[in-house]
């Protein structure tokens, strides 16, 4: 109650102050007007009107200077505007399940590929580690569809290859260029010297000779360079296989690129090495004989 009385008292005091200021302004203006007019009592209402108009204009200028009042939305309204609908595409991992089949266009091959990828995902993903984390089956299914898309893309590209030109022109030119490169570097090293070297020493001499002539493939310079080449090549594969929204995600793109380069392609390239292949063959033979 005391607080309310203080507020009323402050309002009364403010009213008195404003009334006194208005009275002083009106009388002052009326006095200046009386210097040019003999009607003193008429100058008082004229002064009141002039001061009222000036006060109104000053308020208008102040309002325009402040600009329109913008109502700031609440955080709850912001959340409601950002809320996704139950049928929003972002909530679903929609992938075209028939795309890879259209690329292959062979029912027998489609069934074989589907069974093959299902067994791979079941053994190396679901049973190996994913089932121990969650009973979910959506991620293995998406991985299987992604592998199918890769196989379908490869199948489509293979179907567009002209086998006649590939076997009679491209392969012949490729083999001929490699043989010519080998003969040229063999002549630089020396035919008799090459005959006295072991296979490892011969490969090393050829590597140095090709590097000196700047004809060595970048992937053969060092293991790090091989990794960089594979990573760059797999980046192109990922860009073709992944959907646009997936390829634009840096984490998904980098993870897929690294997995393809390090987990898939590097073991294949190592297995294609003659030394490793012979070691694997000897190991398998010993296991069979033992």
Protein backbone atom coordinates (compact mmCIF):
# COMPACT_ATOMS: atom_id res chain seq x y z
CA UNK A 1 0.00 0.00 0.00
CA UNK A 2 2.83 2.36 0.86
CA UNK A 3 4.45 1.51 -2.49
CA UNK A 4 1.22 2.41 -4.30
CA UNK A 5 0.95 5.72 -2.46
CA UNK A 6 4.53 6.57 -3.42
CA UNK A 7 3.72 5.89 -7.08
CA UNK A 8 0.65 8.15 -6.98
CA UNK A 9 2.66 10.85 -5.25
CA UNK A 10 5.36 10.61 -7.92
CA UNK A 11 2.74 10.95 -10.65
CA UNK A 12 1.29 14.05 -8.99
CA UNK A 13 4.73 15.60 -8.68
CA UNK A 14 5.50 14.79 -12.33
CA UNK A 15 2.20 16.38 -13.38
CA UNK A 16 2.95 19.51 -11.41
CA UNK A 17 6.40 19.78 -12.99
CA UNK A 18 5.05 19.36 -16.52
CA UNK A 19 2.25 21.88 -15.90
CA UNK A 20 4.76 24.40 -14.57
CA UNK A 21 7.03 23.92 -17.59
CA UNK A 22 4.10 24.37 -19.97
CA UNK A 23 2.96 27.48 -18.13
CA UNK A 24 6.41 29.03 -18.26
CA UNK A 25 6.75 28.26 -21.97
CA UNK A 26 3.29 29.66 -22.77
CA UNK A 27 3.83 32.85 -20.78
CA UNK A 28 7.28 33.34 -22.26
CA UNK A 29 5.99 32.94 -25.80
CA UNK A 30 3.01 35.20 -25.03
CA UNK A 31 5.40 37.85 -23.74
CA UNK A 32 7.45 37.74 -26.95
CA UNK A 33 4.28 37.91 -29.01
CA UNK A 34 3.09 40.94 -27.01
CA UNK A 35 6.07 42.86 -28.32
CA UNK A 36 4.47 42.81 -31.76
CA UNK A 37 0.80 42.74 -30.74
CA UNK A 38 -1.35 44.75 -28.34
CA UNK A 39 -3.78 41.90 -27.66
CA UNK A 40 -2.07 40.35 -24.63
CA UNK A 41 -4.88 37.99 -23.63
CA UNK A 42 -5.17 36.76 -27.20
CA UNK A 43 -1.47 35.89 -27.26
CA UNK A 44 -1.88 33.30 -24.47
CA UNK A 45 -4.12 30.83 -26.41
CA UNK A 46 -2.04 31.42 -29.54
CA UNK A 47 1.09 30.54 -27.57
CA UNK A 48 -0.64 27.42 -26.23
CA UNK A 49 -1.53 26.32 -29.77
CA UNK A 50 1.97 26.99 -31.08
CA UNK A 51 3.62 25.01 -28.27
CA UNK A 52 1.11 22.17 -28.69
CA UNK A 53 1.87 21.95 -32.42
CA UNK A 54 5.62 21.99 -31.77
CA UNK A 55 5.24 19.26 -29.16
CA UNK A 56 3.21 17.13 -31.57
CA UNK A 57 5.77 17.57 -34.35
CA UNK A 58 8.63 16.65 -32.01
CA UNK A 59 6.82 13.44 -31.03
CA UNK A 60 6.26 12.54 -34.70
CA UNK A 61 9.94 13.08 -35.49
CA UNK A 62 10.96 10.94 -32.52
CA UNK A 63 8.63 8.11 -33.56
CA UNK A 64 9.91 8.11 -37.15
CA UNK A 65 13.48 8.17 -35.92
CA UNK A 66 12.94 5.10 -33.78
CA UNK A 67 11.32 3.23 -36.67
CA UNK A 68 8.59 0.63 -36.50
CA UNK A 69 8.45 -1.50 -33.41
CA UNK A 70 9.54 -5.05 -34.20
CA UNK A 71 8.09 -7.73 -32.05
CA UNK A 72 10.81 -10.23 -31.24
CA UNK A 73 9.55 -13.79 -31.61
CA UNK A 74 9.78 -16.00 -28.58
CA UNK A 75 12.06 -19.01 -28.46
CA UNK A 76 9.03 -21.30 -28.43
CA UNK A 77 7.72 -19.84 -31.68
CA UNK A 78 11.21 -20.23 -33.17
CA UNK A 79 11.24 -23.91 -32.22
CA UNK A 80 7.78 -24.38 -33.70
CA UNK A 81 8.91 -22.83 -36.97
CA UNK A 82 11.91 -25.17 -37.09
CA UNK A 83 9.91 -28.27 -36.23
CA UNK A 84 9.87 -30.97 -38.89
CA UNK A 85 6.67 -32.57 -40.02
CA UNK A 86 6.22 -36.32 -39.43
CA UNK A 87 6.50 -36.94 -43.17
CA UNK A 88 9.57 -34.80 -43.77
CA UNK A 89 12.10 -36.51 -46.11
CA UNK A 90 14.93 -35.69 -43.70
CA UNK A 91 13.49 -38.18 -41.20
CA UNK A 92 13.69 -41.09 -43.62
CA UNK A 93 16.68 -42.80 -45.24
CA UNK A 94 15.02 -43.14 -48.61
CA UNK A 95 17.15 -44.87 -51.22
CA UNK A 96 16.04 -46.09 -54.60
CA UNK A 97 16.07 -49.85 -54.11
CA UNK A 98 15.50 -50.57 -57.80
CA UNK A 99 18.23 -48.39 -59.27
CA UNK A 100 20.96 -51.03 -59.13
CA UNK A 101 18.60 -53.61 -60.65
CA UNK A 102 17.87 -51.29 -63.55
CA UNK A 103 21.60 -50.89 -64.10
CA UNK A 104 22.20 -54.65 -64.15
CA UNK A 105 19.00 -55.56 -66.04
CA UNK A 106 19.39 -59.30 -65.55
CA UNK A 107 17.18 -61.18 -63.05
CA UNK A 108 19.65 -64.04 -62.57
CA UNK A 109 22.56 -61.70 -61.91
CA UNK A 110 20.41 -59.53 -59.66
CA UNK A 111 19.53 -62.48 -57.42
CA UNK A 112 23.16 -63.59 -57.27
CA UNK A 113 24.42 -60.10 -56.44
CA UNK A 114 21.72 -59.61 -53.81
CA UNK A 115 22.57 -62.88 -52.08
CA UNK A 116 26.29 -62.15 -52.28
CA UNK A 117 26.01 -58.68 -50.73
CA UNK A 118 23.58 -59.95 -48.11
CA UNK A 119 26.06 -62.59 -46.95
CA UNK A 120 28.92 -60.09 -46.92
CA UNK A 121 27.01 -57.57 -44.81
CA UNK A 122 25.63 -60.29 -42.57
CA UNK A 123 29.07 -61.73 -41.84
CA UNK A 124 31.28 -58.65 -41.71
CA UNK A 125 28.83 -56.06 -40.33
CA UNK A 126 25.79 -57.51 -38.59
CA UNK A 127 27.22 -60.62 -36.98
CA UNK A 128 30.72 -59.27 -36.46
CA UNK A 129 30.02 -56.08 -34.52
CA UNK A 130 26.75 -54.29 -35.29
CA UNK A 131 24.39 -56.78 -33.63
CA UNK A 132 26.27 -56.38 -30.35
CA UNK A 133 25.46 -52.66 -30.37
CA UNK A 134 21.84 -52.59 -31.46
CA UNK A 135 19.20 -54.93 -32.91
CA UNK A 136 18.53 -52.40 -35.67
CA UNK A 137 18.58 -53.72 -39.23
CA UNK A 138 18.27 -50.45 -41.11
CA UNK A 139 21.99 -49.62 -41.19
CA UNK A 140 23.03 -53.06 -42.54
CA UNK A 141 20.27 -52.75 -45.12
CA UNK A 142 21.53 -49.33 -46.20
CA UNK A 143 25.08 -50.69 -46.45
CA UNK A 144 23.83 -53.58 -48.56
CA UNK A 145 21.95 -51.22 -50.87
CA UNK A 146 25.02 -49.02 -51.17
CA UNK A 147 27.15 -52.00 -52.20
CA UNK A 148 24.47 -53.01 -54.68
CA UNK A 149 24.51 -49.48 -56.11
CA UNK A 150 28.28 -49.71 -56.56
CA UNK A 151 27.99 -53.05 -58.34
CA UNK A 152 25.13 -51.72 -60.46
CA UNK A 153 27.14 -48.65 -61.44
CA UNK A 154 30.09 -50.84 -62.41
CA UNK A 155 27.80 -53.15 -64.37
CA UNK A 156 26.29 -50.24 -66.27
CA UNK A 157 29.71 -48.89 -67.18
CA UNK A 158 30.95 -52.32 -68.24
CA UNK A 159 27.94 -52.79 -70.51
CA UNK A 160 28.79 -49.59 -72.36
CA UNK A 161 32.35 -50.74 -73.07
CA UNK A 162 33.10 -51.63 -76.66
CA UNK A 163 34.82 -54.99 -76.19
CA UNK A 164 36.16 -55.11 -79.73
CA UNK A 165 37.90 -51.76 -79.40
CA UNK A 166 39.01 -52.64 -75.88
CA UNK A 167 40.66 -55.93 -76.85
CA UNK A 168 41.96 -55.11 -80.31
CA UNK A 169 43.02 -51.51 -79.80
CA UNK A 170 43.16 -50.24 -76.22
CA UNK A 171 44.66 -53.35 -74.60
CA UNK A 172 47.14 -53.81 -77.44
CA UNK A 173 48.24 -50.18 -77.20
CA UNK A 174 48.54 -50.41 -73.42
CA UNK A 175 50.59 -53.62 -73.47
CA UNK A 176 52.72 -52.31 -76.32
CA UNK A 177 53.48 -49.05 -74.52
CA UNK A 178 54.48 -50.94 -71.36
CA UNK A 179 56.72 -53.32 -73.31
CA UNK A 180 58.33 -50.40 -75.11
CA UNK A 181 58.89 -48.65 -71.78
CA UNK A 182 60.45 -51.79 -70.31
CA UNK A 183 62.75 -52.31 -73.30
CA UNK A 184 63.85 -48.70 -73.25
CA UNK A 185 64.76 -48.82 -69.57
CA UNK A 186 66.33 -52.25 -69.98
CA UNK A 187 68.62 -50.78 -72.63
CA UNK A 188 69.56 -47.97 -70.24
CA UNK A 189 70.47 -50.41 -67.49
CA UNK A 190 72.01 -52.99 -69.79
CA UNK A 191 70.68 -56.34 -70.92
CA UNK A 192 73.58 -58.28 -69.41
CA UNK A 193 73.30 -56.39 -66.13
CA UNK A 194 69.59 -57.14 -65.95
CA UNK A 195 70.32 -60.84 -66.40
CA UNK A 196 72.61 -60.92 -63.36
CA UNK A 197 70.14 -59.24 -61.00
CA UNK A 198 67.52 -60.89 -58.86
CA UNK A 199 63.86 -60.02 -59.31
CA UNK A 200 63.89 -57.62 -56.34
CA UNK A 201 67.07 -55.92 -57.53
CA UNK A 202 65.72 -55.72 -61.07
CA UNK A 203 62.53 -54.06 -59.85
CA UNK A 204 64.53 -51.61 -57.79
CA UNK A 205 66.81 -50.69 -60.71
CA UNK A 206 63.83 -50.23 -63.00
CA UNK A 207 62.14 -48.07 -60.40
CA UNK A 208 65.16 -45.79 -60.07
CA UNK A 209 65.53 -45.60 -63.84
CA UNK A 210 61.87 -44.70 -64.34
CA UNK A 211 62.03 -42.14 -61.54
CA UNK A 212 65.09 -40.51 -63.10
CA UNK A 213 63.26 -40.27 -66.43
CA UNK A 214 60.11 -39.00 -64.67
CA UNK A 215 58.13 -41.92 -66.09
CA UNK A 216 57.38 -43.67 -62.80
CA UNK A 217 53.73 -43.83 -61.80
CA UNK A 218 53.01 -41.66 -58.72
CA UNK A 219 51.57 -44.63 -56.82
CA UNK A 220 54.90 -46.48 -57.03
CA UNK A 221 57.06 -43.79 -55.48
CA UNK A 222 56.25 -44.66 -51.86
CA UNK A 223 53.46 -46.21 -49.78
CA UNK A 224 52.30 -42.72 -48.86
CA UNK A 225 51.99 -41.78 -52.53
CA UNK A 226 50.12 -45.00 -53.22
CA UNK A 227 47.68 -44.09 -50.46
CA UNK A 228 47.21 -40.59 -51.91
CA UNK A 229 46.52 -41.96 -55.40
CA UNK A 230 44.03 -44.51 -54.10
CA UNK A 231 42.35 -41.86 -51.99
CA UNK A 232 41.97 -39.55 -54.98
CA UNK A 233 40.57 -42.35 -57.14
CA UNK A 234 38.16 -43.48 -54.45
CA UNK A 235 37.02 -39.89 -54.07
CA UNK A 236 35.77 -40.05 -57.65
CA UNK A 237 34.04 -43.37 -56.98
CA UNK A 238 32.33 -41.97 -53.89
CA UNK A 239 31.17 -38.89 -55.80
CA UNK A 240 29.54 -41.12 -58.42
CA UNK A 241 27.96 -43.65 -56.07
CA UNK A 242 26.69 -41.49 -53.21
CA UNK A 243 23.56 -39.43 -53.51
CA UNK A 244 24.07 -35.65 -53.83
CA UNK A 245 22.97 -34.90 -50.27
CA UNK A 246 25.26 -37.63 -48.95
CA UNK A 247 28.22 -36.55 -51.09
CA UNK A 248 27.87 -33.00 -49.76
CA UNK A 249 28.35 -34.19 -46.17
CA UNK A 250 32.12 -34.02 -45.44
CA UNK A 251 32.04 -36.74 -42.78
CA UNK A 252 30.19 -39.26 -44.93
CA UNK A 253 32.33 -38.50 -47.98
CA UNK A 254 35.65 -38.72 -46.12
CA UNK A 255 34.65 -41.86 -44.22
CA UNK A 256 33.51 -43.66 -47.35
CA UNK A 257 36.62 -42.53 -49.21
CA UNK A 258 38.98 -43.76 -46.48
CA UNK A 259 37.18 -47.08 -46.08
CA UNK A 260 37.32 -47.78 -49.80
CA UNK A 261 40.96 -46.75 -50.09
CA UNK A 262 42.36 -48.42 -46.96
CA UNK A 263 40.05 -51.36 -46.28
CA UNK A 264 39.13 -52.43 -49.80
CA UNK A 265 41.62 -51.24 -52.41
CA UNK A 266 44.91 -51.44 -50.50
CA UNK A 267 44.45 -55.15 -49.62
CA UNK A 268 43.51 -55.84 -53.24
CA UNK A 269 46.58 -54.01 -54.50
CA UNK A 270 48.79 -55.83 -52.01
CA UNK A 271 47.30 -59.16 -53.04
CA UNK A 272 48.04 -58.31 -56.68
CA UNK A 273 51.72 -57.95 -55.80
CA UNK A 274 53.66 -60.95 -57.18
CA UNK A 275 55.70 -61.38 -54.03
CA UNK A 276 52.69 -61.36 -51.76
CA UNK A 277 50.73 -63.61 -54.11
CA UNK A 278 53.53 -66.19 -54.13
CA UNK A 279 53.78 -66.02 -50.33
CA UNK A 280 50.05 -66.56 -50.00
CA UNK A 281 50.19 -69.45 -52.45
CA UNK A 282 53.03 -71.10 -50.55
CA UNK A 283 51.24 -70.58 -47.25
CA UNK A 284 48.04 -72.11 -48.64
CA UNK A 285 49.96 -75.04 -50.09
CA UNK A 286 51.68 -75.68 -46.77
CA UNK A 287 48.36 -75.57 -44.99
CA UNK A 288 46.89 -78.11 -47.41
CA UNK A 289 49.89 -80.42 -47.26
CA UNK A 290 50.21 -80.11 -43.52
